[in-house]
Amino acid sequence: MNAELLNVRLRRATAADAEDVSRWRNQPTSLRFQASSPRSVEQIRELLAAQEQIEINPEAEGKLYWVIEVDGEPAGQVQIAVDGGFRQQLMSTLGYTVAEMMQGRGVATAAVREAIAIAFGPGELGLERIEAVAAVENVASRRVLEKAGFRFEGIRRGLLRIQGQRVDHACYGILVTDSWEH
């Protein structure tokens, strides 16, 4: 089954989503390639509560989170980080995690496409560039980015530390001027 047969949409994450986000972050397929530090459910709840206050508009800065819903059920999360220091550059970074039971069904690709529309769309974040990285060995995540329209830009050796080891990452980017609409 692919995402075209599923109803995949994004909705803004709220503090009430903290337990789901924690579960997705801590599933084996996520931990294998996750560079971010561990967070408790309470830390995630606080982070989500803080980001709820950020309005989606061309002035937004910070980490913004969405829940991926498949047929109305929570199935993962997407984040777009708009760094204040880069705001004048109109760029950001993107990350995502999908519940293991939904992996391999096109859900991540559909969600990333929705996130691109939020980042670039009129009246949304007004960004001009999004960057994303995936561990070189994370073939599934790299494929998601490519299918969503990101272009491979190179390998950054030892970019992030995962489970105590420096890991090479494939770097991808997409510009508002690229063909990204779906």
N, C-alpha and C. Protein backbone atom coordinates (compact mmCIF):
# COMPACT_ATOMS: atom_id res chain seq x y z
N MET A 1 0.85 -1.18 0.00
CA MET A 1 0.00 0.00 0.00
C MET A 1 0.89 1.23 0.00
N ASN A 2 0.55 2.24 -0.80
CA ASN A 2 1.35 3.46 -0.80
C ASN A 2 0.53 4.63 -0.28
N ALA A 3 1.24 5.76 -0.08
CA ALA A 3 0.61 6.93 0.54
C ALA A 3 -0.51 7.51 -0.33
N GLU A 4 -0.46 7.25 -1.64
CA GLU A 4 -1.52 7.77 -2.49
C GLU A 4 -2.86 7.14 -2.15
N LEU A 5 -2.83 5.95 -1.56
CA LEU A 5 -4.05 5.29 -1.15
C LEU A 5 -4.42 5.64 0.29
N LEU A 6 -3.49 6.30 0.99
CA LEU A 6 -3.72 6.73 2.36
C LEU A 6 -3.94 8.24 2.38
N ASN A 7 -4.66 8.71 3.36
CA ASN A 7 -4.84 10.14 3.55
C ASN A 7 -3.75 10.62 4.52
N VAL A 8 -2.67 11.20 3.97
CA VAL A 8 -1.55 11.68 4.78
C VAL A 8 -1.63 13.20 4.85
N ARG A 9 -1.63 13.73 6.06
CA ARG A 9 -1.63 15.18 6.24
C ARG A 9 -0.81 15.53 7.47
N LEU A 10 -0.44 16.80 7.56
CA LEU A 10 0.28 17.31 8.73
C LEU A 10 -0.63 18.22 9.53
N ARG A 11 -0.49 18.16 10.84
CA ARG A 11 -1.14 19.13 11.72
C ARG A 11 -0.09 19.57 12.74
N ARG A 12 -0.22 20.80 13.20
CA ARG A 12 0.75 21.30 14.19
C ARG A 12 0.74 20.41 15.43
N ALA A 13 1.92 20.09 15.90
CA ALA A 13 2.05 19.30 17.12
C ALA A 13 1.70 20.17 18.32
N THR A 14 1.17 19.53 19.36
CA THR A 14 0.86 20.21 20.61
C THR A 14 1.53 19.45 21.76
N ALA A 15 1.51 20.04 22.92
CA ALA A 15 2.09 19.39 24.10
C ALA A 15 1.44 18.02 24.35
N ALA A 16 0.19 17.87 23.96
CA ALA A 16 -0.51 16.59 24.15
C ALA A 16 0.08 15.46 23.30
N ASP A 17 0.91 15.79 22.31
CA ASP A 17 1.54 14.79 21.44
C ASP A 17 2.85 14.25 21.99
N ALA A 18 3.27 14.72 23.16
CA ALA A 18 4.60 14.39 23.68
C ALA A 18 4.86 12.88 23.80
N GLU A 19 3.89 12.13 24.28
CA GLU A 19 4.11 10.69 24.44
C GLU A 19 4.30 10.00 23.10
N ASP A 20 3.51 10.38 22.10
CA ASP A 20 3.68 9.80 20.76
C ASP A 20 5.05 10.16 20.19
N VAL A 21 5.43 11.43 20.30
CA VAL A 21 6.73 11.86 19.77
C VAL A 21 7.85 11.10 20.46
N SER A 22 7.75 10.94 21.76
CA SER A 22 8.77 10.18 22.50
C SER A 22 8.84 8.74 22.00
N ARG A 23 7.70 8.13 21.79
CA ARG A 23 7.66 6.74 21.30
C ARG A 23 8.32 6.64 19.93
N TRP A 24 8.00 7.58 19.01
CA TRP A 24 8.60 7.54 17.67
C TRP A 24 10.10 7.77 17.72
N ARG A 25 10.54 8.69 18.58
CA ARG A 25 11.98 8.98 18.69
C ARG A 25 12.74 7.79 19.25
N ASN A 26 12.09 6.97 20.06
CA ASN A 26 12.77 5.88 20.75
C ASN A 26 12.56 4.50 20.13
N GLN A 27 11.90 4.44 18.98
CA GLN A 27 11.75 3.14 18.33
C GLN A 27 13.11 2.75 17.71
N PRO A 28 13.40 1.46 17.60
CA PRO A 28 14.71 1.02 17.12
C PRO A 28 15.13 1.62 15.78
N THR A 29 14.22 1.74 14.83
CA THR A 29 14.61 2.29 13.53
C THR A 29 14.98 3.77 13.62
N SER A 30 14.44 4.48 14.59
CA SER A 30 14.80 5.89 14.79
C SER A 30 16.14 6.00 15.51
N LEU A 31 16.30 5.26 16.58
CA LEU A 31 17.53 5.34 17.38
C LEU A 31 18.77 4.98 16.56
N ARG A 32 18.60 4.08 15.62
CA ARG A 32 19.74 3.62 14.81
C ARG A 32 20.42 4.77 14.07
N PHE A 33 19.63 5.80 13.67
CA PHE A 33 20.18 6.90 12.88
C PHE A 33 19.98 8.27 13.53
N GLN A 34 19.57 8.31 14.79
CA GLN A 34 19.25 9.58 15.43
C GLN A 34 20.46 10.21 16.10
N ALA A 35 20.72 11.47 15.74
CA ALA A 35 21.85 12.18 16.32
C ALA A 35 21.45 13.06 17.49
N SER A 36 20.15 13.32 17.64
CA SER A 36 19.74 14.22 18.72
C SER A 36 19.83 13.54 20.07
N SER A 37 20.01 14.35 21.10
CA SER A 37 20.18 13.81 22.45
C SER A 37 18.84 13.29 22.99
N PRO A 38 18.91 12.33 23.90
CA PRO A 38 17.69 11.78 24.50
C PRO A 38 16.92 12.87 25.25
N ARG A 39 15.60 12.78 25.21
CA ARG A 39 14.73 13.71 25.93
C ARG A 39 13.64 12.92 26.64
N SER A 40 13.29 13.37 27.82
CA SER A 40 12.18 12.75 28.54
C SER A 40 10.87 13.22 27.92
N VAL A 41 9.79 12.53 28.24
CA VAL A 41 8.47 12.93 27.76
C VAL A 41 8.17 14.35 28.23
N GLU A 42 8.55 14.67 29.47
CA GLU A 42 8.30 16.03 29.99
C GLU A 42 9.09 17.07 29.21
N GLN A 43 10.33 16.77 28.86
CA GLN A 43 11.12 17.72 28.06
C GLN A 43 10.49 17.92 26.68
N ILE A 44 10.02 16.85 26.09
CA ILE A 44 9.35 16.95 24.79
C ILE A 44 8.06 17.75 24.93
N ARG A 45 7.31 17.51 25.99
CA ARG A 45 6.07 18.25 26.23
C ARG A 45 6.36 19.76 26.32
N GLU A 46 7.41 20.13 27.05
CA GLU A 46 7.78 21.55 27.20
C GLU A 46 8.20 22.14 25.85
N LEU A 47 8.97 21.39 25.08
CA LEU A 47 9.41 21.85 23.76
C LEU A 47 8.20 22.07 22.84
N LEU A 48 7.28 21.12 22.83
CA LEU A 48 6.10 21.25 21.98
C LEU A 48 5.19 22.38 22.44
N ALA A 49 5.06 22.56 23.75
CA ALA A 49 4.24 23.66 24.26
C ALA A 49 4.83 25.00 23.84
N ALA A 50 6.14 25.14 23.90
CA ALA A 50 6.79 26.40 23.52
C ALA A 50 6.60 26.68 22.04
N GLN A 51 6.73 25.67 21.21
CA GLN A 51 6.62 25.90 19.77
C GLN A 51 5.18 26.16 19.33
N GLU A 52 4.22 25.75 20.15
CA GLU A 52 2.81 26.04 19.83
C GLU A 52 2.55 27.53 19.74
N GLN A 53 3.35 28.32 20.44
CA GLN A 53 3.17 29.77 20.48
C GLN A 53 3.69 30.46 19.22
N ILE A 54 4.46 29.75 18.41
CA ILE A 54 5.05 30.34 17.20
C ILE A 54 4.04 30.26 16.07
N GLU A 55 3.68 31.39 15.52
CA GLU A 55 2.76 31.42 14.38
C GLU A 55 3.51 31.08 13.10
N ILE A 56 2.84 30.36 12.22
CA ILE A 56 3.42 30.02 10.93
C ILE A 56 3.24 31.23 10.01
N ASN A 57 4.34 31.92 9.78
CA ASN A 57 4.36 33.07 8.88
C ASN A 57 5.80 33.35 8.51
N PRO A 58 6.05 34.25 7.59
CA PRO A 58 7.43 34.51 7.15
C PRO A 58 8.35 35.08 8.23
N GLU A 59 7.83 35.42 9.40
CA GLU A 59 8.67 35.93 10.50
C GLU A 59 9.02 34.84 11.51
N ALA A 60 8.46 33.65 11.36
CA ALA A 60 8.64 32.58 12.34
C ALA A 60 10.11 32.17 12.45
N GLU A 61 10.52 31.89 13.69
CA GLU A 61 11.86 31.36 13.95
C GLU A 61 11.75 30.30 15.03
N GLY A 62 12.63 29.33 14.99
CA GLY A 62 12.66 28.28 16.00
C GLY A 62 12.36 26.93 15.38
N LYS A 63 12.24 25.92 16.25
CA LYS A 63 11.90 24.57 15.79
C LYS A 63 10.39 24.44 15.80
N LEU A 64 9.85 24.10 14.66
CA LEU A 64 8.41 23.96 14.48
C LEU A 64 8.10 22.48 14.21
N TYR A 65 7.11 21.96 14.92
CA TYR A 65 6.80 20.54 14.83
C TYR A 65 5.38 20.30 14.31
N TRP A 66 5.26 19.26 13.50
CA TRP A 66 3.97 18.80 13.00
C TRP A 66 3.87 17.31 13.27
N VAL A 67 2.64 16.86 13.47
CA VAL A 67 2.36 15.43 13.57
C VAL A 67 1.88 14.97 12.21
N ILE A 68 2.43 13.86 11.75
CA ILE A 68 1.96 13.23 10.52
C ILE A 68 0.74 12.39 10.91
N GLU A 69 -0.36 12.63 10.23
CA GLU A 69 -1.54 11.81 10.45
C GLU A 69 -1.82 11.00 9.18
N VAL A 70 -2.13 9.74 9.39
CA VAL A 70 -2.51 8.85 8.30
C VAL A 70 -3.94 8.40 8.59
N ASP A 71 -4.83 8.76 7.68
CA ASP A 71 -6.25 8.46 7.89
C ASP A 71 -6.71 8.91 9.27
N GLY A 72 -6.23 10.09 9.70
CA GLY A 72 -6.64 10.69 10.96
C GLY A 72 -5.92 10.21 12.20
N GLU A 73 -5.01 9.24 12.05
CA GLU A 73 -4.30 8.69 13.20
C GLU A 73 -2.84 9.16 13.21
N PRO A 74 -2.30 9.54 14.39
CA PRO A 74 -0.90 9.97 14.47
C PRO A 74 0.05 8.87 14.00
N ALA A 75 1.00 9.24 13.14
CA ALA A 75 1.88 8.23 12.55
C ALA A 75 3.33 8.69 12.43
N GLY A 76 3.67 9.84 13.02
CA GLY A 76 5.05 10.31 12.95
C GLY A 76 5.10 11.81 13.15
N GLN A 77 6.29 12.37 12.98
CA GLN A 77 6.44 13.80 13.16
C GLN A 77 7.44 14.37 12.15
N VAL A 78 7.25 15.64 11.87
CA VAL A 78 8.15 16.40 10.99
C VAL A 78 8.52 17.67 11.73
N GLN A 79 9.78 18.08 11.60
CA GLN A 79 10.15 19.37 12.17
C GLN A 79 10.89 20.19 11.13
N ILE A 80 10.64 21.48 11.19
CA ILE A 80 11.36 22.45 10.38
C ILE A 80 12.00 23.42 11.36
N ALA A 81 13.31 23.51 11.32
CA ALA A 81 14.03 24.43 12.20
C ALA A 81 14.44 25.65 11.40
N VAL A 82 13.93 26.81 11.81
CA VAL A 82 14.29 28.07 11.18
C VAL A 82 15.19 28.79 12.17
N ASP A 83 16.47 28.82 11.88
CA ASP A 83 17.46 29.43 12.76
C ASP A 83 17.44 30.94 12.59
N GLY A 84 17.29 31.66 13.69
CA GLY A 84 17.24 33.12 13.64
C GLY A 84 18.45 33.72 12.95
N GLY A 85 19.61 33.11 13.14
CA GLY A 85 20.82 33.62 12.49
C GLY A 85 20.79 33.45 10.99
N PHE A 86 19.99 32.49 10.52
CA PHE A 86 19.89 32.23 9.09
C PHE A 86 18.62 32.83 8.49
N ARG A 87 17.76 33.43 9.32
CA ARG A 87 16.47 33.93 8.83
C ARG A 87 16.65 34.83 7.62
N GLN A 88 17.63 35.72 7.68
CA GLN A 88 17.84 36.60 6.52
C GLN A 88 18.24 35.80 5.29
N GLN A 89 18.74 34.61 5.49
CA GLN A 89 19.11 33.74 4.38
C GLN A 89 17.89 32.98 3.84
N LEU A 90 16.78 33.04 4.61
CA LEU A 90 15.53 32.36 4.23
C LEU A 90 15.73 30.87 3.97
N MET A 91 16.37 30.19 4.92
CA MET A 91 16.61 28.76 4.81
C MET A 91 16.33 28.07 6.13
N SER A 92 16.24 26.76 6.09
CA SER A 92 15.97 26.00 7.31
C SER A 92 16.45 24.56 7.13
N THR A 93 16.30 23.78 8.21
CA THR A 93 16.60 22.36 8.14
C THR A 93 15.33 21.57 8.43
N LEU A 94 15.29 20.36 7.91
CA LEU A 94 14.10 19.51 8.02
C LEU A 94 14.49 18.16 8.60
N GLY A 95 13.63 17.62 9.45
CA GLY A 95 13.81 16.27 9.97
C GLY A 95 12.46 15.59 10.07
N TYR A 96 12.45 14.27 10.18
CA TYR A 96 11.19 13.53 10.25
C TYR A 96 11.42 12.16 10.85
N THR A 97 10.36 11.62 11.42
CA THR A 97 10.34 10.27 11.97
C THR A 97 8.95 9.70 11.71
N VAL A 98 8.89 8.45 11.28
CA VAL A 98 7.62 7.80 11.01
C VAL A 98 7.51 6.54 11.87
N ALA A 99 6.33 6.31 12.41
CA ALA A 99 6.08 5.11 13.20
C ALA A 99 6.47 3.88 12.39
N GLU A 100 7.11 2.93 13.04
CA GLU A 100 7.60 1.75 12.33
C GLU A 100 6.51 1.05 11.53
N MET A 101 5.30 0.97 12.07
CA MET A 101 4.23 0.26 11.36
C MET A 101 3.81 0.96 10.07
N MET A 102 4.22 2.23 9.88
CA MET A 102 3.87 3.00 8.68
C MET A 102 5.05 3.13 7.71
N GLN A 103 6.20 2.64 8.09
CA GLN A 103 7.38 2.77 7.23
C GLN A 103 7.24 1.90 5.99
N GLY A 104 7.83 2.38 4.90
CA GLY A 104 7.80 1.63 3.65
C GLY A 104 6.50 1.76 2.88
N ARG A 105 5.65 2.70 3.26
CA ARG A 105 4.34 2.86 2.62
C ARG A 105 4.19 4.21 1.92
N GLY A 106 5.27 4.99 1.85
CA GLY A 106 5.21 6.29 1.20
C GLY A 106 4.76 7.41 2.11
N VAL A 107 4.55 7.12 3.38
CA VAL A 107 4.06 8.12 4.33
C VAL A 107 5.09 9.23 4.53
N ALA A 108 6.36 8.87 4.73
CA ALA A 108 7.39 9.89 4.95
C ALA A 108 7.52 10.81 3.75
N THR A 109 7.50 10.25 2.55
CA THR A 109 7.61 11.08 1.35
C THR A 109 6.45 12.05 1.25
N ALA A 110 5.23 11.57 1.48
CA ALA A 110 4.06 12.45 1.44
C ALA A 110 4.16 13.54 2.50
N ALA A 111 4.61 13.18 3.69
CA ALA A 111 4.74 14.17 4.78
C ALA A 111 5.81 15.20 4.46
N VAL A 112 6.93 14.77 3.91
CA VAL A 112 8.00 15.71 3.55
C VAL A 112 7.50 16.66 2.46
N ARG A 113 6.75 16.16 1.51
CA ARG A 113 6.18 17.05 0.48
C ARG A 113 5.26 18.09 1.10
N GLU A 114 4.46 17.68 2.08
CA GLU A 114 3.59 18.63 2.77
C GLU A 114 4.42 19.68 3.52
N ALA A 115 5.50 19.23 4.14
CA ALA A 115 6.38 20.16 4.87
C ALA A 115 7.03 21.16 3.91
N ILE A 116 7.39 20.71 2.72
CA ILE A 116 7.96 21.61 1.72
C ILE A 116 6.94 22.69 1.36
N ALA A 117 5.69 22.30 1.20
CA ALA A 117 4.65 23.27 0.87
C ALA A 117 4.48 24.30 1.99
N ILE A 118 4.61 23.86 3.24
CA ILE A 118 4.53 24.79 4.37
C ILE A 118 5.74 25.73 4.37
N ALA A 119 6.90 25.19 4.08
CA ALA A 119 8.12 26.00 4.09
C ALA A 119 8.13 27.03 2.97
N PHE A 120 7.68 26.65 1.78
CA PHE A 120 7.79 27.50 0.61
C PHE A 120 6.49 28.20 0.23
N GLY A 121 5.37 27.68 0.64
CA GLY A 121 4.08 28.16 0.17
C GLY A 121 3.77 29.60 0.52
N PRO A 122 2.96 30.23 -0.31
CA PRO A 122 2.55 31.61 -0.02
C PRO A 122 1.77 31.68 1.28
N GLY A 123 2.09 32.67 2.11
CA GLY A 123 1.42 32.81 3.40
C GLY A 123 1.89 31.84 4.45
N GLU A 124 2.89 31.05 4.14
CA GLU A 124 3.42 30.07 5.10
C GLU A 124 4.73 30.61 5.67
N LEU A 125 5.83 29.82 5.65
CA LEU A 125 7.09 30.26 6.24
C LEU A 125 7.90 31.18 5.33
N GLY A 126 7.63 31.14 4.04
CA GLY A 126 8.34 32.03 3.13
C GLY A 126 9.82 31.74 2.97
N LEU A 127 10.20 30.48 3.14
CA LEU A 127 11.61 30.11 3.01
C LEU A 127 12.01 29.99 1.55
N GLU A 128 13.30 30.02 1.30
CA GLU A 128 13.82 29.86 -0.06
C GLU A 128 14.65 28.60 -0.22
N ARG A 129 15.09 28.00 0.91
CA ARG A 129 15.93 26.80 0.86
C ARG A 129 15.66 25.96 2.09
N ILE A 130 15.66 24.65 1.90
CA ILE A 130 15.57 23.70 3.00
C ILE A 130 16.73 22.73 2.83
N GLU A 131 17.37 22.42 3.94
CA GLU A 131 18.43 21.42 3.95
C GLU A 131 17.99 20.23 4.78
N ALA A 132 18.49 19.07 4.44
CA ALA A 132 18.24 17.86 5.23
C ALA A 132 19.46 16.96 5.10
N VAL A 133 19.72 16.19 6.13
CA VAL A 133 20.81 15.22 6.08
C VAL A 133 20.28 13.86 6.49
N ALA A 134 20.93 12.83 6.00
CA ALA A 134 20.61 11.45 6.40
C ALA A 134 21.92 10.69 6.48
N ALA A 135 22.04 9.85 7.48
CA ALA A 135 23.23 9.02 7.56
C ALA A 135 23.41 8.30 6.23
N VAL A 136 24.63 8.20 5.77
CA VAL A 136 24.91 7.58 4.47
C VAL A 136 24.26 6.20 4.39
N GLU A 137 24.28 5.46 5.47
CA GLU A 137 23.71 4.10 5.48
C GLU A 137 22.18 4.08 5.58
N ASN A 138 21.57 5.23 5.83
CA ASN A 138 20.11 5.29 5.97
C ASN A 138 19.49 5.46 4.58
N VAL A 139 19.52 4.39 3.82
CA VAL A 139 19.07 4.40 2.43
C VAL A 139 17.59 4.80 2.32
N ALA A 140 16.76 4.35 3.24
CA ALA A 140 15.33 4.67 3.18
C ALA A 140 15.10 6.17 3.32
N SER A 141 15.77 6.80 4.26
CA SER A 141 15.59 8.24 4.46
C SER A 141 16.14 9.03 3.27
N ARG A 142 17.25 8.58 2.73
CA ARG A 142 17.81 9.25 1.55
C ARG A 142 16.84 9.15 0.38
N ARG A 143 16.20 8.03 0.23
CA ARG A 143 15.23 7.84 -0.85
C ARG A 143 14.01 8.75 -0.65
N VAL A 144 13.56 8.91 0.58
CA VAL A 144 12.44 9.81 0.88
C VAL A 144 12.78 11.21 0.38
N LEU A 145 13.96 11.70 0.74
CA LEU A 145 14.36 13.05 0.33
C LEU A 145 14.40 13.18 -1.19
N GLU A 146 14.97 12.20 -1.86
CA GLU A 146 15.07 12.25 -3.33
C GLU A 146 13.69 12.22 -3.97
N LYS A 147 12.80 11.35 -3.48
CA LYS A 147 11.45 11.27 -4.05
C LYS A 147 10.65 12.55 -3.80
N ALA A 148 10.97 13.25 -2.71
CA ALA A 148 10.26 14.49 -2.38
C ALA A 148 10.81 15.69 -3.14
N GLY A 149 11.90 15.50 -3.89
CA GLY A 149 12.43 16.60 -4.71
C GLY A 149 13.73 17.20 -4.23
N PHE A 150 14.27 16.73 -3.12
CA PHE A 150 15.57 17.22 -2.67
C PHE A 150 16.66 16.73 -3.61
N ARG A 151 17.71 17.52 -3.73
CA ARG A 151 18.86 17.14 -4.55
C ARG A 151 20.05 16.81 -3.67
N PHE A 152 20.74 15.74 -4.02
CA PHE A 152 21.94 15.32 -3.30
C PHE A 152 23.02 16.37 -3.52
N GLU A 153 23.66 16.82 -2.43
CA GLU A 153 24.68 17.86 -2.52
C GLU A 153 26.06 17.39 -2.09
N GLY A 154 26.16 16.20 -1.54
CA GLY A 154 27.48 15.69 -1.15
C GLY A 154 27.45 14.98 0.18
N ILE A 155 28.61 14.47 0.56
CA ILE A 155 28.79 13.75 1.82
C ILE A 155 29.61 14.62 2.76
N ARG A 156 29.12 14.75 3.99
CA ARG A 156 29.88 15.45 5.02
C ARG A 156 30.40 14.38 5.99
N ARG A 157 31.71 14.23 5.97
CA ARG A 157 32.35 13.19 6.78
C ARG A 157 32.20 13.49 8.27
N GLY A 158 31.80 12.49 9.03
CA GLY A 158 31.70 12.61 10.48
C GLY A 158 30.84 13.77 10.94
N LEU A 159 29.80 14.08 10.21
CA LEU A 159 28.99 15.26 10.50
C LEU A 159 28.35 15.22 11.88
N LEU A 160 27.73 14.11 12.22
CA LEU A 160 27.01 14.01 13.49
C LEU A 160 27.46 12.78 14.27
N ARG A 161 27.26 12.84 15.57
CA ARG A 161 27.59 11.73 16.44
C ARG A 161 26.31 10.94 16.71
N ILE A 162 26.34 9.65 16.40
CA ILE A 162 25.21 8.76 16.65
C ILE A 162 25.72 7.60 17.49
N GLN A 163 25.07 7.38 18.61
CA GLN A 163 25.47 6.32 19.54
C GLN A 163 26.97 6.36 19.83
N GLY A 164 27.48 7.57 20.03
CA GLY A 164 28.87 7.75 20.41
C GLY A 164 29.88 7.73 19.28
N GLN A 165 29.43 7.50 18.05
CA GLN A 165 30.34 7.40 16.91
C GLN A 165 30.06 8.51 15.91
N ARG A 166 31.10 9.10 15.34
CA ARG A 166 30.93 10.08 14.26
C ARG A 166 30.47 9.34 13.01
N VAL A 167 29.42 9.87 12.36
CA VAL A 167 28.81 9.20 11.23
C VAL A 167 28.77 10.15 10.04
N ASP A 168 29.16 9.62 8.87
CA ASP A 168 29.08 10.39 7.63
C ASP A 168 27.62 10.57 7.25
N HIS A 169 27.28 11.75 6.73
CA HIS A 169 25.91 12.05 6.33
C HIS A 169 25.85 12.56 4.89
N ALA A 170 24.82 12.10 4.20
CA ALA A 170 24.51 12.61 2.87
C ALA A 170 23.71 13.89 3.06
N CYS A 171 24.10 14.95 2.36
CA CYS A 171 23.45 16.25 2.49
C CYS A 171 22.58 16.50 1.26
N TYR A 172 21.40 17.04 1.53
CA TYR A 172 20.42 17.31 0.48
C TYR A 172 19.90 18.73 0.64
N GLY A 173 19.45 19.31 -0.46
CA GLY A 173 18.84 20.62 -0.41
C GLY A 173 17.76 20.75 -1.45
N ILE A 174 16.83 21.67 -1.20
CA ILE A 174 15.79 21.98 -2.16
C ILE A 174 15.56 23.49 -2.09
N LEU A 175 15.40 24.09 -3.23
CA LEU A 175 15.15 25.54 -3.35
C LEU A 175 13.71 25.79 -3.74
N VAL A 176 13.21 26.94 -3.33
CA VAL A 176 11.86 27.31 -3.70
C VAL A 176 11.73 27.36 -5.22
N THR A 177 12.82 27.61 -5.92
CA THR A 177 12.79 27.68 -7.38
C THR A 177 12.85 26.30 -8.05
N ASP A 178 13.11 25.25 -7.27
CA ASP A 178 13.08 23.89 -7.82
C ASP A 178 11.62 23.48 -8.05
N SER A 179 11.43 22.47 -8.85
CA SER A 179 10.08 21.96 -9.10
C SER A 179 9.70 21.08 -7.91
N TRP A 180 8.92 21.61 -6.97
CA TRP A 180 8.58 20.88 -5.76
C TRP A 180 7.10 20.71 -5.55
N GLU A 181 6.28 21.43 -6.25
CA GLU A 181 4.83 21.35 -6.00
C GLU A 181 4.31 19.97 -6.37
N HIS A 182 3.34 19.53 -5.60
CA HIS A 182 2.76 18.20 -5.84
C HIS A 182 1.27 18.28 -5.98
